[in-house]
Amino acid sequence: MGHHWYFGCFLKFSLLSIFFLPLKSLRFDRYGFSSVPPFLLYIYTSCFFFNFSIPSSIMNPIEINPEQDKVCDADQKIIPNGGVRAGQDGDVEVGKSSENKEDSDSTDVNKTPDSDVAKEADHQINCNGHNKYIPTSKAQVHLPKPEPPKPKMERSQSLSIAESMPSIGKYIRDRSSSFSAAIMNRLSSVKEGSGDFVLKNDSLNFEVTEFKIPGVKVIVKLKSEEERLEDQIRGRITLFTKSNCEHSIAARQFFKEKGLRYVEINIDVFTKSGNELMERTGSCEVPQIFFNDSLIGGLATLKSLSESGELHEKMKELLGPKCPEEAPKAPVYGINDEEDKEDGLVGVVRFLRQSLPIQDRLIKMKMVKSCFAGPDMVEAIINHLDCGRRKGIATAKMMAQKHFIHHVFGENDFENGNHYYRFLEHEPFIMGCFNFRSSTNDNEPKPASFMADRLSKLMFSIVEMDGYVSDDRLHVDYFRISKSEEFRRYINLTRDLQRINLQLFTPNERLAFFLNLYNAMVIHAVISIGHPEGILDNKAFFLDFQYVIGGYPHSLSIIENGILRNNRKSPYYLTKPFSKGDRRLHLVPMKVNPLIHFGLCKGTRSSPKLRFFTAHNVEDELISAAKDYFQSEGIKIDRERRTVYLTRIIKWFNQDFGGQEKEILEWVLNYLEGSNAKLLKTMLGDGDPITIVYQDYDWSGNL
């Protein structure tokens, strides 16, 4: 008997998948949800119509308390020998004895064709002392009524699997149909306010409904108006923007709040798209919004449509069809828009690289690697161009000015005489520069002002892009930036810095350029070598991470202390960044601007916010950066103790802020606002001494 029972379990669960197929496609469109969770239906149906018979040999005898065996006489009546007869509600009688078999053939349940089986059952009941009726639970009216099990068969009378398959299949189909109909009837009969129907958050119009069905819990969330609208949209919203544009930022925020997907084309990043915008609209004003190939207008038009309630209808009308080919083209990633042209001297340079005797030489008691003599280069130029000596010397000087070649000791650009030179790619520092890729950039150098503007626009696009930098600019997702198209284009831009002419910068352009380049290099350094975690890491981060810019190496320390700080010593260092005769001294400003320290982000938690600057407004932007830093965390004042807690940045570079404590506090006062400004001004006016305590600096990354 045990083997039959286990085989029956296996067969029923194997065929359950046949029953489950029609239920899986069951949909309740009337209530706005797609389908009942399949695993819940699986469990419910298993418990519903698989009434397993467990062999008594593996079960303990059932103990029934006579005091608890009481049921309503109207629903059941006692039958001799402990049976229960079916009442008017459809209740069934169980434990029918063989003595009353002839009187109740139509209502007996669990009866057997063999009287011996019935007697054996009566004998088991009597032996256990249970001559009481077994109470039955009332059937649920909304579920299909149970059917009596098939009569027991002897082993010799059991059918083969092949013979029983048609009847089993019919049984499963009948059960699945009746169960599906029961669920549909149940849902169709649900009334609001009944115990089985709960409507939550109706006042907030969240449209979340919870159905409770015995054995199954279904939660239905109706789609919002925006979600239903998005399902109807098969077209594309295209948004043309620019970097550092307030209206473009507002347009992005509008679509973000509405939950609408769009394709953004930043014409400062994808420069060729600016030509397409000009052709379609007649101007380069942004933002411009397109629904498929139809121009909607700018931010003002978008807000007007939203306020009048016409936006959804407009979207259904114009965005319902698929996006046609006439719509603005989506930006293509991984392709450069700028067309580079080779330098006019590159033909001569390539010839010299192959023909000159480049070798190591002992010059002034120093071993100089990969160099050549100046007279040899002049002779090679004369022979290659078939020109006179004067033109040959002029060509060599032009090559030095464009940083194709350098004097081995940096003594001059080029002079006719016994001097030695080498190509830029043979400089000892070149292999450690992170904007060098196996060969130098031989394209025509771009104007310095163009490079500064291009750099700022790319960096602005990174900080404005959703998800790259937090809204407060204190946390940066370096991994996402490293995978972005904007960062890829920035890396390509850095190669154009190799031979840029930095002498063509105006003072404000130079200041904004090196502030932006410093912050961009920090991002590149974190991505390439990681955050510094100790003294040795700080050296690698701030000294060894370099770019070749204008033919010479520039590290983070060189930019900060050599250029921006007017060639002053770095904290805890004994020497200046530039020695006498350094070719980079022409980049040093006339005086130090202390505000630069609040525009440089070192990639740490105690650094100022990540910012980028424009050449025409860099001074005002630095003032705003300093005020913002002191407003958030740069200063704390304890009036009772007459103590001012300042950022450690001021301690490291106190020479830039005046050196003396009183001068430092007077400088800080110029950039304080609100209560801190009044409090510090009062303390300075008292004449009593003020103690300055410098806060700890958190070197952990601004992740």
Foldseek 3Di string as FASTA:
>chain_A
DVVVLVVVVVVVVVCVVVLLVVQQQDQDVVLADGHAPSVLVSVLLCVPAVPGDDDPVPPDDDDDDPVPPDDDVQQWDADFQAWTDGHPQGDAIALDAPVCCVVPVPGHAPDAPDNVVRVVVSVVCVVVVNSHHDDDDRDDPLADDDDGDDHDDDPVPDDDPVVCVVVVVVVSVVRSVRRVVSVVVVVVPDDPPDPQWDAPPVVVVQSWIWGDDVSGTDIDGHDDPLVVLQVQFQEAKEWEAFFPDPQSLVVVVVCVVSVHDHAYDHCLLVVVVQVVVCVLPVDSDDTWMDQQARTQGHPVSVVVCVVVVNPSVVNSVRRNDYRDPNGRDHDDFPDDPDDFAFDPCVVLLVQCVPPFDFAWDQDPNDIQHGKGWPVSQLVSQCVVVVDDSVVSQVSQLVCLLQQQKAFSVNPDSDDPDGTMIHGLCPDPLQVLEPLDDNDADRTDQDALLVLLVSLLRLVSCQCSDPPQADPQLLAGDLVVLVVDRSVVVVSVSLSSQQRYDPVPDDPLSLLQSLLSVLLNLLSVLCVPPNAQDDDVSVCCQFPRHWGRGNSRTDGSCCSVQVAQQQQDDFFPDDHTPDDPSDPCNVRHDPHHDVLSQLSHANQFNLGFGDDHDDSVCRVVVSLVSLLVSVVPPAWDADLVQLEIEGACVCVRPVVNQPVDPLSNLVSSLVSYDDPVNVSSVVSNVVPDDHHYHYDDGTRHGSD
